[in-house]
């Protein structure tokens, strides 16, 4: 598998992304489940370029600290960089930051495993 390039994605926090909307709290700030989904999207983007035909990846481990709140309207940049690779297993260093202040919002690691999509779904 070729060397993975880092991936960066940018999202704007909407009311649908808040803790109140996703069921992880009552406040109108970016909910941790949505932030985690955005971080996972960055790992998928980093890995996508190198996936063999018919393959996909599945998340198997998440270790992320959500360090600061983000209000509706905030622009959040999430990034994923390959930290470790062993065959089908890929571990990424992930982070999120507020684009206007540069403040780090989250940091951690996400592990994904490459699988054959058809074979994986046949066992579900």
PDB file of N, CA and C in Angstrom:
ATOM      1  N   UNK A   1       0.848  -1.180   0.000  1.00  0.00           N
ATOM      2  CA  UNK A   1       0.000   0.000   0.000  1.00  0.00           C
ATOM      3  C   UNK A   1       0.892   1.241   0.000  1.00  0.00           C
ATOM      4  N   UNK A   2       0.575   2.239  -0.824  1.00  0.00           N
ATOM      5  CA  UNK A   2       1.416   3.444  -0.885  1.00  0.00           C
ATOM      6  C   UNK A   2       1.360   4.255   0.410  1.00  0.00           C
ATOM      7  N   UNK A   3       2.369   5.103   0.597  1.00  0.00           N
ATOM      8  CA  UNK A   3       2.403   5.998   1.761  1.00  0.00           C
ATOM      9  C   UNK A   3       1.162   6.880   1.746  1.00  0.00           C
ATOM     10  N   UNK A   4       0.521   7.023   2.889  1.00  0.00           N
ATOM     11  CA  UNK A   4      -0.711   7.802   2.969  1.00  0.00           C
ATOM     12  C   UNK A   4      -0.412   9.278   3.188  1.00  0.00           C
ATOM     13  N   UNK A   5      -1.086  10.110   2.410  1.00  0.00           N
ATOM     14  CA  UNK A   5      -0.978  11.557   2.594  1.00  0.00           C
ATOM     15  C   UNK A   5      -1.954  11.986   3.687  1.00  0.00           C
ATOM     16  N   UNK A   6      -1.603  12.979   4.479  1.00  0.00           N
ATOM     17  CA  UNK A   6      -2.549  13.494   5.473  1.00  0.00           C
ATOM     18  C   UNK A   6      -3.797  14.036   4.779  1.00  0.00           C
ATOM     19  N   UNK A   7      -4.902  14.035   5.500  1.00  0.00           N
ATOM     20  CA  UNK A   7      -6.156  14.577   4.959  1.00  0.00           C
ATOM     21  C   UNK A   7      -6.687  15.645   5.905  1.00  0.00           C
ATOM     22  N   UNK A   8      -7.226  16.704   5.325  1.00  0.00           N
ATOM     23  CA  UNK A   8      -7.824  17.792   6.090  1.00  0.00           C
ATOM     24  C   UNK A   8      -9.179  18.122   5.489  1.00  0.00           C
ATOM     25  N   UNK A   9     -10.188  18.216   6.341  1.00  0.00           N
ATOM     26  CA  UNK A   9     -11.548  18.568   5.925  1.00  0.00           C
ATOM     27  C   UNK A   9     -12.015  19.732   6.788  1.00  0.00           C
ATOM     28  N   UNK A  10     -12.916  20.537   6.244  1.00  0.00           N
ATOM     29  CA  UNK A  10     -13.437  21.682   6.982  1.00  0.00           C
ATOM     30  C   UNK A  10     -14.957  21.612   7.026  1.00  0.00           C
ATOM     31  N   UNK A  11     -15.510  21.869   8.202  1.00  0.00           N
ATOM     32  CA  UNK A  11     -16.954  21.838   8.421  1.00  0.00           C
ATOM     33  C   UNK A  11     -17.372  23.091   9.173  1.00  0.00           C
ATOM     34  N   UNK A  12     -18.616  23.507   8.959  1.00  0.00           N
ATOM     35  CA  UNK A  12     -19.193  24.607   9.726  1.00  0.00           C
ATOM     36  C   UNK A  12     -20.252  24.027  10.646  1.00  0.00           C
ATOM     37  N   UNK A  13     -20.171  24.356  11.918  1.00  0.00           N
ATOM     38  CA  UNK A  13     -21.111  23.850  12.914  1.00  0.00           C
ATOM     39  C   UNK A  13     -22.501  24.433  12.643  1.00  0.00           C
ATOM     40  N   UNK A  14     -23.493  23.558  12.493  1.00  0.00           N
ATOM     41  CA  UNK A  14     -24.892  23.968  12.327  1.00  0.00           C
ATOM     42  C   UNK A  14     -25.689  23.496  13.546  1.00  0.00           C
ATOM     43  N   UNK A  15     -26.929  23.905  13.616  1.00  0.00           N
ATOM     44  CA  UNK A  15     -27.799  23.465  14.721  1.00  0.00           C
ATOM     45  C   UNK A  15     -27.915  21.937  14.747  1.00  0.00           C
ATOM     46  N   UNK A  16     -27.881  21.293  13.576  1.00  0.00           N
ATOM     47  CA  UNK A  16     -27.964  19.833  13.503  1.00  0.00           C
ATOM     48  C   UNK A  16     -26.739  19.131  14.076  1.00  0.00           C
ATOM     49  N   UNK A  17     -25.645  19.861  14.262  1.00  0.00           N
ATOM     50  CA  UNK A  17     -24.400  19.298  14.776  1.00  0.00           C
ATOM     51  C   UNK A  17     -24.251  19.452  16.284  1.00  0.00           C
ATOM     52  N   UNK A  18     -25.190  20.126  16.925  1.00  0.00           N
ATOM     53  CA  UNK A  18     -25.046  20.435  18.350  1.00  0.00           C
ATOM     54  C   UNK A  18     -25.321  19.221  19.234  1.00  0.00           C
ATOM     55  N   UNK A  19     -24.788  19.307  20.446  1.00  0.00           N
ATOM     56  CA  UNK A  19     -25.019  18.255  21.436  1.00  0.00           C
ATOM     57  C   UNK A  19     -26.522  18.055  21.651  1.00  0.00           C
ATOM     58  N   UNK A  20     -27.270  19.149  21.683  1.00  0.00           N
ATOM     59  CA  UNK A  20     -28.718  19.048  21.879  1.00  0.00           C
ATOM     60  C   UNK A  20     -29.371  18.272  20.732  1.00  0.00           C
ATOM     61  N   UNK A  21     -28.910  18.485  19.513  1.00  0.00           N
ATOM     62  CA  UNK A  21     -29.516  17.823  18.348  1.00  0.00           C
ATOM     63  C   UNK A  21     -29.115  16.363  18.223  1.00  0.00           C
ATOM     64  N   UNK A  22     -27.889  16.019  18.603  1.00  0.00           N
ATOM     65  CA  UNK A  22     -27.423  14.635  18.425  1.00  0.00           C
ATOM     66  C   UNK A  22     -27.621  13.780  19.668  1.00  0.00           C
ATOM     67  N   UNK A  23     -28.170  14.362  20.725  1.00  0.00           N
ATOM     68  CA  UNK A  23     -28.503  13.587  21.914  1.00  0.00           C
ATOM     69  C   UNK A  23     -27.352  13.338  22.867  1.00  0.00           C
ATOM     70  N   UNK A  24     -26.331  14.191  22.819  1.00  0.00           N
ATOM     71  CA  UNK A  24     -25.193  13.981  23.725  1.00  0.00           C
ATOM     72  C   UNK A  24     -25.082  15.088  24.771  1.00  0.00           C
ATOM     73  N   UNK A  25     -26.164  15.782  24.982  1.00  0.00           N
ATOM     74  CA  UNK A  25     -26.185  16.870  25.951  1.00  0.00           C
ATOM     75  C   UNK A  25     -27.300  17.828  25.620  1.00  0.00           C
ATOM     76  N   UNK A  26     -27.341  18.934  26.341  1.00  0.00           N
ATOM     77  CA  UNK A  26     -28.446  19.877  26.154  1.00  0.00           C
ATOM     78  C   UNK A  26     -27.996  21.230  25.622  1.00  0.00           C
ATOM     79  N   UNK A  27     -26.691  21.390  25.397  1.00  0.00           N
ATOM     80  CA  UNK A  27     -26.184  22.700  24.991  1.00  0.00           C
ATOM     81  C   UNK A  27     -26.098  22.859  23.471  1.00  0.00           C
ATOM     82  N   UNK A  28     -26.237  24.097  22.990  1.00  0.00           N
ATOM     83  CA  UNK A  28     -26.149  24.362  21.551  1.00  0.00           C
ATOM     84  C   UNK A  28     -24.706  24.567  21.084  1.00  0.00           C
ATOM     85  N   UNK A  29     -23.838  23.569  21.355  1.00  0.00           N
ATOM     86  CA  UNK A  29     -22.442  23.586  20.915  1.00  0.00           C
ATOM     87  C   UNK A  29     -22.166  22.278  20.178  1.00  0.00           C
ATOM     88  N   UNK A  30     -21.069  22.231  19.434  1.00  0.00           N
ATOM     89  CA  UNK A  30     -20.727  21.035  18.679  1.00  0.00           C
ATOM     90  C   UNK A  30     -20.735  19.804  19.582  1.00  0.00           C
ATOM     91  N   UNK A  31     -21.532  18.810  19.201  1.00  0.00           N
ATOM     92  CA  UNK A  31     -21.624  17.576  19.968  1.00  0.00           C
ATOM     93  C   UNK A  31     -20.442  16.666  19.681  1.00  0.00           C
ATOM     94  N   UNK A  32     -19.992  15.976  20.701  1.00  0.00           N
ATOM     95  CA  UNK A  32     -18.861  15.065  20.551  1.00  0.00           C
ATOM     96  C   UNK A  32     -19.119  13.984  19.495  1.00  0.00           C
ATOM     97  N   UNK A  33     -20.326  13.390  19.428  1.00  0.00           N
ATOM     98  CA  UNK A  33     -20.545  12.387  18.375  1.00  0.00           C
ATOM     99  C   UNK A  33     -20.347  12.949  16.963  1.00  0.00           C
ATOM    100  N   UNK A  34     -20.759  14.179  16.725  1.00  0.00           N
ATOM    101  CA  UNK A  34     -20.578  14.784  15.399  1.00  0.00           C
ATOM    102  C   UNK A  34     -19.109  15.072  15.142  1.00  0.00           C
ATOM    103  N   UNK A  35     -18.413  15.590  16.149  1.00  0.00           N
ATOM    104  CA  UNK A  35     -16.979  15.843  16.017  1.00  0.00           C
ATOM    105  C   UNK A  35     -16.256  14.540  15.702  1.00  0.00           C
ATOM    106  N   UNK A  36     -16.616  13.479  16.383  1.00  0.00           N
ATOM    107  CA  UNK A  36     -15.996  12.180  16.126  1.00  0.00           C
ATOM    108  C   UNK A  36     -16.263  11.721  14.692  1.00  0.00           C
ATOM    109  N   UNK A  37     -17.477  11.915  14.208  1.00  0.00           N
ATOM    110  CA  UNK A  37     -17.803  11.554  12.819  1.00  0.00           C
ATOM    111  C   UNK A  37     -16.939  12.349  11.840  1.00  0.00           C
ATOM    112  N   UNK A  38     -16.712  13.622  12.128  1.00  0.00           N
ATOM    113  CA  UNK A  38     -15.880  14.436  11.252  1.00  0.00           C
ATOM    114  C   UNK A  38     -14.426  13.953  11.273  1.00  0.00           C
ATOM    115  N   UNK A  39     -13.932  13.599  12.452  1.00  0.00           N
ATOM    116  CA  UNK A  39     -12.571  13.075  12.564  1.00  0.00           C
ATOM    117  C   UNK A  39     -12.441  11.752  11.811  1.00  0.00           C
ATOM    118  N   UNK A  40     -13.448  10.889  11.934  1.00  0.00           N
ATOM    119  CA  UNK A  40     -13.424   9.630  11.194  1.00  0.00           C
ATOM    120  C   UNK A  40     -13.473   9.874   9.687  1.00  0.00           C
ATOM    121  N   UNK A  41     -14.224  10.880   9.261  1.00  0.00           N
ATOM    122  CA  UNK A  41     -14.279  11.222   7.837  1.00  0.00           C
ATOM    123  C   UNK A  41     -12.887  11.600   7.326  1.00  0.00           C
ATOM    124  N   UNK A  42     -12.108  12.282   8.149  1.00  0.00           N
ATOM    125  CA  UNK A  42     -10.742  12.645   7.751  1.00  0.00           C
ATOM    126  C   UNK A  42      -9.876  11.391   7.619  1.00  0.00           C
ATOM    127  N   UNK A  43     -10.051  10.401   8.524  1.00  0.00           N
ATOM    128  CA  UNK A  43      -9.269   9.163   8.404  1.00  0.00           C
ATOM    129  C   UNK A  43      -9.669   8.411   7.144  1.00  0.00           C
ATOM    130  N   UNK A  44     -10.949   8.403   6.828  1.00  0.00           N
ATOM    131  CA  UNK A  44     -11.420   7.747   5.596  1.00  0.00           C
ATOM    132  C   UNK A  44     -10.827   8.427   4.369  1.00  0.00           C
ATOM    133  N   UNK A  45     -10.792   9.754   4.377  1.00  0.00           N
ATOM    134  CA  UNK A  45     -10.237  10.502   3.246  1.00  0.00           C
ATOM    135  C   UNK A  45      -8.749  10.203   3.080  1.00  0.00           C
ATOM    136  N   UNK A  46      -8.032  10.070   4.185  1.00  0.00           N
ATOM    137  CA  UNK A  46      -6.595   9.787   4.102  1.00  0.00           C
ATOM    138  C   UNK A  46      -6.342   8.383   3.556  1.00  0.00           C
ATOM    139  N   UNK A  47      -7.206   7.458   3.884  1.00  0.00           N
ATOM    140  CA  UNK A  47      -7.020   6.062   3.500  1.00  0.00           C
ATOM    141  C   UNK A  47      -7.599   5.732   2.133  1.00  0.00           C
ATOM    142  N   UNK A  48      -8.617   6.460   1.719  1.00  0.00           N
ATOM    143  CA  UNK A  48      -9.364   6.177   0.485  1.00  0.00           C
ATOM    144  C   UNK A  48      -8.471   6.051  -0.748  1.00  0.00           C
ATOM    145  N   UNK A  49      -7.521   6.933  -0.883  1.00  0.00           N
ATOM    146  CA  UNK A  49      -6.628   6.958  -2.050  1.00  0.00           C
ATOM    147  C   UNK A  49      -5.854   5.661  -2.223  1.00  0.00           C
ATOM    148  N   UNK A  50      -5.635   4.912  -1.141  1.00  0.00           N
ATOM    149  CA  UNK A  50      -4.780   3.730  -1.188  1.00  0.00           C
ATOM    150  C   UNK A  50      -5.552   2.411  -1.115  1.00  0.00           C
ATOM    151  N   UNK A  51      -6.879   2.473  -1.038  1.00  0.00           N
ATOM    152  CA  UNK A  51      -7.663   1.246  -0.895  1.00  0.00           C
ATOM    153  C   UNK A  51      -7.677   0.435  -2.187  1.00  0.00           C
ATOM    154  N   UNK A  52      -7.455  -0.868  -2.079  1.00  0.00           N
ATOM    155  CA  UNK A  52      -7.584  -1.729  -3.258  1.00  0.00           C
ATOM    156  C   UNK A  52      -9.046  -1.772  -3.729  1.00  0.00           C
ATOM    157  N   UNK A  53      -9.244  -2.088  -4.984  1.00  0.00           N
ATOM    158  CA  UNK A  53     -10.591  -2.203  -5.562  1.00  0.00           C
ATOM    159  C   UNK A  53     -11.430  -3.162  -4.718  1.00  0.00           C
ATOM    160  N   UNK A  54     -12.659  -2.770  -4.391  1.00  0.00           N
ATOM    161  CA  UNK A  54     -13.570  -3.619  -3.623  1.00  0.00           C
ATOM    162  C   UNK A  54     -13.353  -3.563  -2.126  1.00  0.00           C
ATOM    163  N   UNK A  55     -12.386  -2.758  -1.683  1.00  0.00           N
ATOM    164  CA  UNK A  55     -12.099  -2.657  -0.256  1.00  0.00           C
ATOM    165  C   UNK A  55     -12.665  -1.373   0.326  1.00  0.00           C
ATOM    166  N   UNK A  56     -12.838  -1.388   1.618  1.00  0.00           N
ATOM    167  CA  UNK A  56     -13.217  -0.210   2.384  1.00  0.00           C
ATOM    168  C   UNK A  56     -12.497  -0.325   3.717  1.00  0.00           C
ATOM    169  N   UNK A  57     -12.761   0.584   4.613  1.00  0.00           N
ATOM    170  CA  UNK A  57     -12.161   0.478   5.939  1.00  0.00           C
ATOM    171  C   UNK A  57     -13.240   0.649   6.988  1.00  0.00           C
ATOM    172  N   UNK A  58     -13.003   0.036   8.139  1.00  0.00           N
ATOM    173  CA  UNK A  58     -13.942   0.143   9.260  1.00  0.00           C
ATOM    174  C   UNK A  58     -13.182   0.648  10.480  1.00  0.00           C
ATOM    175  N   UNK A  59     -13.833   1.482  11.250  1.00  0.00           N
ATOM    176  CA  UNK A  59     -13.228   1.983  12.475  1.00  0.00           C
ATOM    177  C   UNK A  59     -13.261   0.903  13.543  1.00  0.00           C
ATOM    178  N   UNK A  60     -12.147   0.742  14.258  1.00  0.00           N
ATOM    179  CA  UNK A  60     -12.086  -0.289  15.293  1.00  0.00           C
ATOM    180  C   UNK A  60     -11.713   0.252  16.666  1.00  0.00           C
ATOM    181  N   UNK A  61     -11.131   1.449  16.721  1.00  0.00           N
ATOM    182  CA  UNK A  61     -10.723   2.005  18.013  1.00  0.00           C
ATOM    183  C   UNK A  61     -10.667   3.521  17.910  1.00  0.00           C
ATOM    184  N   UNK A  62     -11.164   4.168  18.946  1.00  0.00           N
ATOM    185  CA  UNK A  62     -11.154   5.621  19.001  1.00  0.00           C
ATOM    186  C   UNK A  62     -10.672   6.055  20.377  1.00  0.00           C
ATOM    187  N   UNK A  63      -9.722   6.980  20.377  1.00  0.00           N
ATOM    188  CA  UNK A  63      -9.261   7.581  21.622  1.00  0.00           C
ATOM    189  C   UNK A  63      -9.095   9.068  21.339  1.00  0.00           C
ATOM    190  N   UNK A  64     -10.114   9.848  21.699  1.00  0.00           N
ATOM    191  CA  UNK A  64     -10.134  11.274  21.363  1.00  0.00           C
ATOM    192  C   UNK A  64     -10.548  12.075  22.584  1.00  0.00           C
ATOM    193  N   UNK A  65      -9.847  13.168  22.828  1.00  0.00           N
ATOM    194  CA  UNK A  65     -10.241  14.117  23.856  1.00  0.00           C
ATOM    195  C   UNK A  65     -10.891  15.318  23.176  1.00  0.00           C
ATOM    196  N   UNK A  66     -12.122  15.629  23.588  1.00  0.00           N
ATOM    197  CA  UNK A  66     -12.827  16.820  23.104  1.00  0.00           C
ATOM    198  C   UNK A  66     -12.486  17.922  24.100  1.00  0.00           C
ATOM    199  N   UNK A  67     -11.622  18.855  23.689  1.00  0.00           N
ATOM    200  CA  UNK A  67     -10.988  19.793  24.609  1.00  0.00           C
ATOM    201  C   UNK A  67     -11.684  21.138  24.774  1.00  0.00           C
ATOM    202  N   UNK A  68     -12.458  21.551  23.766  1.00  0.00           N
ATOM    203  CA  UNK A  68     -13.076  22.883  23.827  1.00  0.00           C
ATOM    204  C   UNK A  68     -14.383  22.893  23.050  1.00  0.00           C
ATOM    205  N   UNK A  69     -15.286  23.753  23.469  1.00  0.00           N
ATOM    206  CA  UNK A  69     -16.597  23.873  22.834  1.00  0.00           C
ATOM    207  C   UNK A  69     -16.531  24.748  21.588  1.00  0.00           C
ATOM    208  N   UNK A  70     -17.455  24.475  20.657  1.00  0.00           N
ATOM    209  CA  UNK A  70     -17.557  25.247  19.417  1.00  0.00           C
ATOM    210  C   UNK A  70     -19.013  25.644  19.205  1.00  0.00           C
ATOM    211  N   UNK A  71     -19.283  26.936  19.060  1.00  0.00           N
ATOM    212  CA  UNK A  71     -20.664  27.388  18.872  1.00  0.00           C
ATOM    213  C   UNK A  71     -21.152  27.165  17.440  1.00  0.00           C
ATOM    214  N   UNK A  72     -22.448  27.261  17.263  1.00  0.00           N
ATOM    215  CA  UNK A  72     -23.034  27.224  15.927  1.00  0.00           C
ATOM    216  C   UNK A  72     -22.401  28.349  15.106  1.00  0.00           C
ATOM    217  N   UNK A  73     -22.023  28.037  13.877  1.00  0.00           N
ATOM    218  CA  UNK A  73     -21.390  29.008  12.995  1.00  0.00           C
ATOM    219  C   UNK A  73     -19.873  28.902  12.966  1.00  0.00           C
ATOM    220  N   UNK A  74     -19.282  28.218  13.938  1.00  0.00           N
ATOM    221  CA  UNK A  74     -17.827  28.065  13.965  1.00  0.00           C
ATOM    222  C   UNK A  74     -17.376  27.175  12.817  1.00  0.00           C
ATOM    223  N   UNK A  75     -16.223  27.498  12.249  1.00  0.00           N
ATOM    224  CA  UNK A  75     -15.642  26.665  11.206  1.00  0.00           C
ATOM    225  C   UNK A  75     -14.568  25.790  11.857  1.00  0.00           C
ATOM    226  N   UNK A  76     -14.700  24.475  11.644  1.00  0.00           N
ATOM    227  CA  UNK A  76     -13.816  23.503  12.285  1.00  0.00           C
ATOM    228  C   UNK A  76     -13.034  22.748  11.218  1.00  0.00           C
ATOM    229  N   UNK A  77     -11.719  22.715  11.374  1.00  0.00           N
ATOM    230  CA  UNK A  77     -10.852  21.963  10.470  1.00  0.00           C
ATOM    231  C   UNK A  77     -10.407  20.697  11.197  1.00  0.00           C
ATOM    232  N   UNK A  78     -10.662  19.556  10.567  1.00  0.00           N
ATOM    233  CA  UNK A  78     -10.248  18.279  11.137  1.00  0.00           C
ATOM    234  C   UNK A  78      -9.171  17.687  10.243  1.00  0.00           C
ATOM    235  N   UNK A  79      -8.203  17.011  10.871  1.00  0.00           N
ATOM    236  CA  UNK A  79      -7.127  16.421  10.077  1.00  0.00           C
ATOM    237  C   UNK A  79      -6.756  15.053  10.619  1.00  0.00           C
ATOM    238  N   UNK A  80      -6.228  14.223   9.716  1.00  0.00           N
ATOM    239  CA  UNK A  80      -5.787  12.875  10.060  1.00  0.00           C
ATOM    240  C   UNK A  80      -4.469  12.604   9.360  1.00  0.00           C
ATOM    241  N   UNK A  81      -3.503  12.104  10.119  1.00  0.00           N
ATOM    242  CA  UNK A  81      -2.193  11.744   9.576  1.00  0.00           C
ATOM    243  C   UNK A  81      -1.863  10.324   9.998  1.00  0.00           C
ATOM    244  N   UNK A  82      -1.300   9.570   9.075  1.00  0.00           N
ATOM    245  CA  UNK A  82      -0.924   8.196   9.377  1.00  0.00           C
ATOM    246  C   UNK A  82       0.156   8.179  10.450  1.00  0.00           C
ATOM    247  N   UNK A  83      -0.094   7.415  11.526  1.00  0.00           N
ATOM    248  CA  UNK A  83       0.867   7.316  12.619  1.00  0.00           C
ATOM    249  C   UNK A  83       1.502   5.937  12.684  1.00  0.00           C
ATOM    250  N   UNK A  84       0.772   4.917  12.188  1.00  0.00           N
ATOM    251  CA  UNK A  84       1.256   3.539  12.263  1.00  0.00           C
ATOM    252  C   UNK A  84       0.499   2.716  11.241  1.00  0.00           C
ATOM    253  N   UNK A  85       1.202   1.772  10.649  1.00  0.00           N
ATOM    254  CA  UNK A  85       0.597   0.932   9.611  1.00  0.00           C
ATOM    255  C   UNK A  85       1.169  -0.474   9.749  1.00  0.00           C
ATOM    256  N   UNK A  86       0.293  -1.476   9.766  1.00  0.00           N
ATOM    257  CA  UNK A  86       0.736  -2.862   9.816  1.00  0.00           C
ATOM    258  C   UNK A  86      -0.252  -3.693   9.010  1.00  0.00           C
ATOM    259  N   UNK A  87       0.076  -3.923   7.750  1.00  0.00           N
ATOM    260  CA  UNK A  87      -0.833  -4.672   6.886  1.00  0.00           C
ATOM    261  C   UNK A  87      -2.134  -3.918   6.696  1.00  0.00           C
ATOM    262  N   UNK A  88      -3.216  -4.525   7.147  1.00  0.00           N
ATOM    263  CA  UNK A  88      -4.547  -3.913   6.979  1.00  0.00           C
ATOM    264  C   UNK A  88      -4.880  -2.887   8.059  1.00  0.00           C
ATOM    265  N   UNK A  89      -4.098  -2.862   9.135  1.00  0.00           N
ATOM    266  CA  UNK A  89      -4.368  -1.971  10.258  1.00  0.00           C
ATOM    267  C   UNK A  89      -3.692  -0.623  10.040  1.00  0.00           C
ATOM    268  N   UNK A  90      -4.461   0.447  10.252  1.00  0.00           N
ATOM    269  CA  UNK A  90      -3.950   1.814  10.089  1.00  0.00           C
ATOM    270  C   UNK A  90      -4.364   2.639  11.297  1.00  0.00           C
ATOM    271  N   UNK A  91      -3.381   3.246  11.959  1.00  0.00           N
ATOM    272  CA  UNK A  91      -3.659   4.122  13.097  1.00  0.00           C
ATOM    273  C   UNK A  91      -3.351   5.549  12.674  1.00  0.00           C
ATOM    274  N   UNK A  92      -4.274   6.438  12.978  1.00  0.00           N
ATOM    275  CA  UNK A  92      -4.138   7.840  12.582  1.00  0.00           C
ATOM    276  C   UNK A  92      -4.091   8.745  13.807  1.00  0.00           C
ATOM    277  N   UNK A  93      -3.252   9.756  13.741  1.00  0.00           N
ATOM    278  CA  UNK A  93      -3.299  10.860  14.689  1.00  0.00           C
ATOM    279  C   UNK A  93      -4.316  11.843  14.131  1.00  0.00           C
ATOM    280  N   UNK A  94      -5.284  12.229  14.964  1.00  0.00           N
ATOM    281  CA  UNK A  94      -6.342  13.134  14.502  1.00  0.00           C
ATOM    282  C   UNK A  94      -6.380  14.378  15.382  1.00  0.00           C
ATOM    283  N   UNK A  95      -6.843  15.468  14.780  1.00  0.00           N
ATOM    284  CA  UNK A  95      -7.018  16.700  15.549  1.00  0.00           C
ATOM    285  C   UNK A  95      -8.099  17.551  14.899  1.00  0.00           C
ATOM    286  N   UNK A  96      -8.628  18.450  15.696  1.00  0.00           N
ATOM    287  CA  UNK A  96      -9.612  19.422  15.213  1.00  0.00           C
ATOM    288  C   UNK A  96      -9.225  20.774  15.783  1.00  0.00           C
ATOM    289  N   UNK A  97      -9.421  21.802  14.964  1.00  0.00           N
ATOM    290  CA  UNK A  97      -9.122  23.155  15.460  1.00  0.00           C
ATOM    291  C   UNK A  97     -10.128  24.138  14.889  1.00  0.00           C
ATOM    292  N   UNK A  98     -10.324  25.216  15.610  1.00  0.00           N
ATOM    293  CA  UNK A  98     -11.171  26.312  15.158  1.00  0.00           C
ATOM    294  C   UNK A  98     -10.363  27.119  14.159  1.00  0.00           C
ATOM    295  N   UNK A  99     -10.896  27.305  12.953  1.00  0.00           N
ATOM    296  CA  UNK A  99     -10.106  27.976  11.912  1.00  0.00           C
ATOM    297  C   UNK A  99      -9.893  29.460  12.190  1.00  0.00           C
ATOM    298  N   UNK A 100     -10.804  30.097  12.918  1.00  0.00           N
ATOM    299  CA  UNK A 100     -10.626  31.535  13.141  1.00  0.00           C
ATOM    300  C   UNK A 100      -9.644  31.829  14.272  1.00  0.00           C
ATOM    301  N   UNK A 101      -9.663  31.026  15.333  1.00  0.00           N
ATOM    302  CA  UNK A 101      -8.777  31.295  16.468  1.00  0.00           C
ATOM    303  C   UNK A 101      -7.537  30.399  16.473  1.00  0.00           C
ATOM    304  N   UNK A 102      -7.596  29.277  15.743  1.00  0.00           N
ATOM    305  CA  UNK A 102      -6.501  28.317  15.766  1.00  0.00           C
ATOM    306  C   UNK A 102      -6.522  27.418  16.990  1.00  0.00           C
ATOM    307  N   UNK A 103      -7.498  27.612  17.858  1.00  0.00           N
ATOM    308  CA  UNK A 103      -7.608  26.842  19.098  1.00  0.00           C
ATOM    309  C   UNK A 103      -7.826  25.362  18.795  1.00  0.00           C
ATOM    310  N   UNK A 104      -7.077  24.501  19.491  1.00  0.00           N
ATOM    311  CA  UNK A 104      -7.245  23.054  19.327  1.00  0.00           C
ATOM    312  C   UNK A 104      -8.512  22.629  20.061  1.00  0.00           C
ATOM    313  N   UNK A 105      -9.402  21.974  19.330  1.00  0.00           N
ATOM    314  CA  UNK A 105     -10.683  21.545  19.882  1.00  0.00           C
ATOM    315  C   UNK A 105     -10.681  20.090  20.306  1.00  0.00           C
ATOM    316  N   UNK A 106      -9.863  19.278  19.631  1.00  0.00           N
ATOM    317  CA  UNK A 106      -9.816  17.848  19.927  1.00  0.00           C
ATOM    318  C   UNK A 106      -8.499  17.280  19.429  1.00  0.00           C
ATOM    319  N   UNK A 107      -8.083  16.189  20.066  1.00  0.00           N
ATOM    320  CA  UNK A 107      -6.868  15.498  19.644  1.00  0.00           C
ATOM    321  C   UNK A 107      -6.953  14.048  20.083  1.00  0.00           C
ATOM    322  N   UNK A 108      -6.340  13.159  19.286  1.00  0.00           N
ATOM    323  CA  UNK A 108      -6.326  11.759  19.668  1.00  0.00           C
ATOM    324  C   UNK A 108      -5.892  10.850  18.548  1.00  0.00           C
ATOM    325  N   UNK A 109      -6.342   9.595  18.635  1.00  0.00           N
ATOM    326  CA  UNK A 109      -6.008   8.576  17.640  1.00  0.00           C
ATOM    327  C   UNK A 109      -7.258   7.797  17.250  1.00  0.00           C
ATOM    328  N   UNK A 110      -7.304   7.420  15.978  1.00  0.00           N
ATOM    329  CA  UNK A 110      -8.373   6.559  15.466  1.00  0.00           C
ATOM    330  C   UNK A 110      -7.711   5.441  14.670  1.00  0.00           C
ATOM    331  N   UNK A 111      -8.157   4.204  14.919  1.00  0.00           N
ATOM    332  CA  UNK A 111      -7.636   3.041  14.209  1.00  0.00           C
ATOM    333  C   UNK A 111      -8.698   2.513  13.254  1.00  0.00           C
ATOM    334  N   UNK A 112      -8.263   2.193  12.039  1.00  0.00           N
ATOM    335  CA  UNK A 112      -9.142   1.626  11.025  1.00  0.00           C
ATOM    336  C   UNK A 112      -8.483   0.360  10.476  1.00  0.00           C
ATOM    337  N   UNK A 113      -9.313  -0.576  10.010  1.00  0.00           N
ATOM    338  CA  UNK A 113      -8.831  -1.806   9.398  1.00  0.00           C
ATOM    339  C   UNK A 113      -9.430  -1.912   8.004  1.00  0.00           C
ATOM    340  N   UNK A 114      -8.595  -2.211   7.024  1.00  0.00           N
ATOM    341  CA  UNK A 114      -9.050  -2.386   5.639  1.00  0.00           C
ATOM    342  C   UNK A 114      -9.704  -3.766   5.516  1.00  0.00           C
ATOM    343  N   UNK A 115     -10.891  -3.792   4.911  1.00  0.00           N
ATOM    344  CA  UNK A 115     -11.633  -5.043   4.718  1.00  0.00           C
ATOM    345  C   UNK A 115     -12.162  -5.115   3.291  1.00  0.00           C
ATOM    346  N   UNK A 116     -12.421  -6.332   2.841  1.00  0.00           N
ATOM    347  CA  UNK A 116     -13.119  -6.534   1.575  1.00  0.00           C
ATOM    348  C   UNK A 116     -14.592  -6.237   1.845  1.00  0.00           C
ATOM    349  N   UNK A 117     -15.162  -5.255   1.165  1.00  0.00           N
ATOM    350  CA  UNK A 117     -16.516  -4.781   1.462  1.00  0.00           C
ATOM    351  C   UNK A 117     -17.566  -5.889   1.307  1.00  0.00           C
ATOM    352  N   UNK A 118     -17.501  -6.622   0.238  1.00  0.00           N
ATOM    353  CA  UNK A 118     -18.503  -7.672  -0.029  1.00  0.00           C
ATOM    354  C   UNK A 118     -18.418  -8.774   1.033  1.00  0.00           C
ATOM    355  N   UNK A 119     -17.210  -9.214   1.324  1.00  0.00           N
ATOM    356  CA  UNK A 119     -17.028 -10.269   2.322  1.00  0.00           C
ATOM    357  C   UNK A 119     -17.458  -9.800   3.714  1.00  0.00           C
ATOM    358  N   UNK A 120     -17.131  -8.564   4.047  1.00  0.00           N
ATOM    359  CA  UNK A 120     -17.515  -8.004   5.337  1.00  0.00           C
ATOM    360  C   UNK A 120     -19.037  -7.994   5.478  1.00  0.00           C
ATOM    361  N   UNK A 121     -19.723  -7.503   4.451  1.00  0.00           N
ATOM    362  CA  UNK A 121     -21.190  -7.406   4.522  1.00  0.00           C
ATOM    363  C   UNK A 121     -21.859  -8.786   4.520  1.00  0.00           C
ATOM    364  N   UNK A 122     -21.223  -9.780   3.947  1.00  0.00           N
ATOM    365  CA  UNK A 122     -21.811 -11.119   3.934  1.00  0.00           C
ATOM    366  C   UNK A 122     -21.840 -11.733   5.327  1.00  0.00           C
ATOM    367  N   UNK A 123     -21.029 -11.209   6.231  1.00  0.00           N
ATOM    368  CA  UNK A 123     -20.968 -11.736   7.598  1.00  0.00           C
ATOM    369  C   UNK A 123     -21.768 -10.903   8.590  1.00  0.00           C
ATOM    370  N   UNK A 124     -22.405  -9.854   8.134  1.00  0.00           N
ATOM    371  CA  UNK A 124     -23.153  -8.981   9.048  1.00  0.00           C
ATOM    372  C   UNK A 124     -24.529  -9.553   9.307  1.00  0.00           C
TER     373      UNK A 124
END
